[in-house]
Amino acid sequence: MNEMTFGKALYGLGDGKKAARRGWNGKGIFIALQEPDANSKMTQPYIYIDTTGLESNNPDAPRGRVPWLASHGDMLAEDWIFID
């Protein structure tokens, strides 16, 4: 797995890839791009974070899928990877 910048990860999202940061707490977290379809209430593409597969000892850690915005740290990080 090659580490990369957020800009390169963003291009990959546009190609249907999923991305994550090595520096994120917990495994099983990723971001992806959602393209609206005929059944969607959204009208524009958006990035979401998926924590449904989060591996954590904390039973109260949120597990779900919600829209996501990158933090300054995320945008400047160079530990992005594509995942399967």
C-alpha atoms as a PDB file:
ATOM      1  CA  MET A   1       0.000   0.000   0.000  1.00  0.00           C
ATOM      2  CA  ASN A   2       1.438   3.325  -1.040  1.00  0.00           C
ATOM      3  CA  GLU A   3       0.879   6.279   1.260  1.00  0.00           C
ATOM      4  CA  MET A   4      -0.288   9.486  -0.367  1.00  0.00           C
ATOM      5  CA  THR A   5      -1.686  12.986   0.021  1.00  0.00           C
ATOM      6  CA  PHE A   6      -5.355  13.847   0.440  1.00  0.00           C
ATOM      7  CA  GLY A   7      -5.411  15.276  -3.093  1.00  0.00           C
ATOM      8  CA  LYS A   8      -4.450  11.914  -4.573  1.00  0.00           C
ATOM      9  CA  ALA A   9      -6.954  10.151  -2.307  1.00  0.00           C
ATOM     10  CA  LEU A  10      -9.661  12.552  -3.478  1.00  0.00           C
ATOM     11  CA  TYR A  11      -9.007  11.670  -7.118  1.00  0.00           C
ATOM     12  CA  GLY A  12      -9.275   8.006  -6.198  1.00  0.00           C
ATOM     13  CA  LEU A  13     -12.667   8.595  -4.572  1.00  0.00           C
ATOM     14  CA  GLY A  14     -13.841   9.952  -7.903  1.00  0.00           C
ATOM     15  CA  ASP A  15     -12.791   6.658  -9.488  1.00  0.00           C
ATOM     16  CA  GLY A  16     -14.868   4.669  -6.982  1.00  0.00           C
ATOM     17  CA  LYS A  17     -12.059   3.808  -4.546  1.00  0.00           C
ATOM     18  CA  LYS A  18     -12.308   3.881  -0.745  1.00  0.00           C
ATOM     19  CA  ALA A  19      -9.636   5.689   1.275  1.00  0.00           C
ATOM     20  CA  ALA A  20      -8.487   5.819   4.883  1.00  0.00           C
ATOM     21  CA  ARG A  21      -5.703   7.305   6.958  1.00  0.00           C
ATOM     22  CA  ARG A  22      -3.155   5.204   8.767  1.00  0.00           C
ATOM     23  CA  GLY A  23      -3.275   7.827  11.522  1.00  0.00           C
ATOM     24  CA  TRP A  24      -6.984   7.386  12.274  1.00  0.00           C
ATOM     25  CA  ASN A  25      -7.884   5.802  15.586  1.00  0.00           C
ATOM     26  CA  GLY A  26      -9.387   2.376  15.027  1.00  0.00           C
ATOM     27  CA  LYS A  27      -9.383   0.045  12.059  1.00  0.00           C
ATOM     28  CA  GLY A  28     -12.319  -0.462   9.737  1.00  0.00           C
ATOM     29  CA  ILE A  29     -12.972   3.236   9.015  1.00  0.00           C
ATOM     30  CA  PHE A  30     -12.986   4.592   5.467  1.00  0.00           C
ATOM     31  CA  ILE A  31     -14.322   7.421   3.306  1.00  0.00           C
ATOM     32  CA  ALA A  32     -15.985   7.121  -0.084  1.00  0.00           C
ATOM     33  CA  LEU A  33     -17.832   9.264  -2.593  1.00  0.00           C
ATOM     34  CA  GLN A  34     -21.606   8.944  -2.926  1.00  0.00           C
ATOM     35  CA  GLU A  35     -23.131   9.791  -6.281  1.00  0.00           C
ATOM     36  CA  PRO A  36     -26.865  10.567  -6.042  1.00  0.00           C
ATOM     37  CA  ASP A  37     -29.225   8.238  -7.900  1.00  0.00           C
ATOM     38  CA  ALA A  38     -32.949   8.363  -8.695  1.00  0.00           C
ATOM     39  CA  ASN A  39     -33.816   7.343  -5.101  1.00  0.00           C
ATOM     40  CA  SER A  40     -31.525   9.853  -3.377  1.00  0.00           C
ATOM     41  CA  LYS A  41     -32.662  13.015  -1.648  1.00  0.00           C
ATOM     42  CA  MET A  42     -29.214  14.496  -2.354  1.00  0.00           C
ATOM     43  CA  THR A  43     -28.666  16.239  -5.675  1.00  0.00           C
ATOM     44  CA  GLN A  44     -24.857  16.543  -5.630  1.00  0.00           C
ATOM     45  CA  PRO A  45     -22.075  14.043  -4.895  1.00  0.00           C
ATOM     46  CA  TYR A  46     -20.714  14.026  -1.342  1.00  0.00           C
ATOM     47  CA  ILE A  47     -18.049  12.254   0.689  1.00  0.00           C
ATOM     48  CA  TYR A  48     -19.163  10.053   3.564  1.00  0.00           C
ATOM     49  CA  ILE A  49     -17.321   8.238   6.335  1.00  0.00           C
ATOM     50  CA  ASP A  50     -18.207   4.639   7.103  1.00  0.00           C
ATOM     51  CA  THR A  51     -17.511   3.367  10.610  1.00  0.00           C
ATOM     52  CA  THR A  52     -19.787   0.300  10.442  1.00  0.00           C
ATOM     53  CA  GLY A  53     -16.722  -1.965  10.462  1.00  0.00           C
ATOM     54  CA  LEU A  54     -14.933  -0.080  13.259  1.00  0.00           C
ATOM     55  CA  GLU A  55     -12.779  -2.340  15.400  1.00  0.00           C
ATOM     56  CA  SER A  56     -12.779  -0.785  18.873  1.00  0.00           C
ATOM     57  CA  ASN A  57     -12.937  -1.867  22.501  1.00  0.00           C
ATOM     58  CA  ASN A  58     -15.293   1.051  23.126  1.00  0.00           C
ATOM     59  CA  PRO A  59     -18.889  -0.235  22.911  1.00  0.00           C
ATOM     60  CA  ASP A  60     -20.127   3.372  22.726  1.00  0.00           C
ATOM     61  CA  ALA A  61     -18.028   4.294  19.659  1.00  0.00           C
ATOM     62  CA  PRO A  62     -20.402   5.377  16.892  1.00  0.00           C
ATOM     63  CA  ARG A  63     -20.824   2.915  14.059  1.00  0.00           C
ATOM     64  CA  GLY A  64     -22.614   4.185  11.006  1.00  0.00           C
ATOM     65  CA  ARG A  65     -22.353   6.122   7.774  1.00  0.00           C
ATOM     66  CA  VAL A  66     -22.586   9.931   7.701  1.00  0.00           C
ATOM     67  CA  PRO A  67     -21.472  12.834   5.457  1.00  0.00           C
ATOM     68  CA  TRP A  68     -17.862  13.797   6.155  1.00  0.00           C
ATOM     69  CA  LEU A  69     -15.737  16.946   5.959  1.00  0.00           C
ATOM     70  CA  ALA A  70     -11.950  16.811   6.042  1.00  0.00           C
ATOM     71  CA  SER A  71     -10.150  18.527   8.905  1.00  0.00           C
ATOM     72  CA  HIS A  72      -6.999  20.579   8.348  1.00  0.00           C
ATOM     73  CA  GLY A  73      -5.022  17.628   9.654  1.00  0.00           C
ATOM     74  CA  ASP A  74      -6.719  15.260   7.205  1.00  0.00           C
ATOM     75  CA  MET A  75      -6.114  17.589   4.252  1.00  0.00           C
ATOM     76  CA  LEU A  76      -2.419  18.023   5.063  1.00  0.00           C
ATOM     77  CA  ALA A  77      -1.736  14.395   6.014  1.00  0.00           C
ATOM     78  CA  GLU A  78       0.381  12.178   3.790  1.00  0.00           C
ATOM     79  CA  ASP A  79      -0.676   8.860   5.317  1.00  0.00           C
ATOM     80  CA  TRP A  80      -3.696   8.235   3.079  1.00  0.00           C
ATOM     81  CA  ILE A  81      -4.152   4.762   1.614  1.00  0.00           C
ATOM     82  CA  PHE A  82      -6.682   3.070  -0.649  1.00  0.00           C
ATOM     83  CA  ILE A  83      -8.453   0.075   0.835  1.00  0.00           C
ATOM     84  CA  ASP A  84     -10.420  -2.813  -0.596  1.00  0.00           C
END
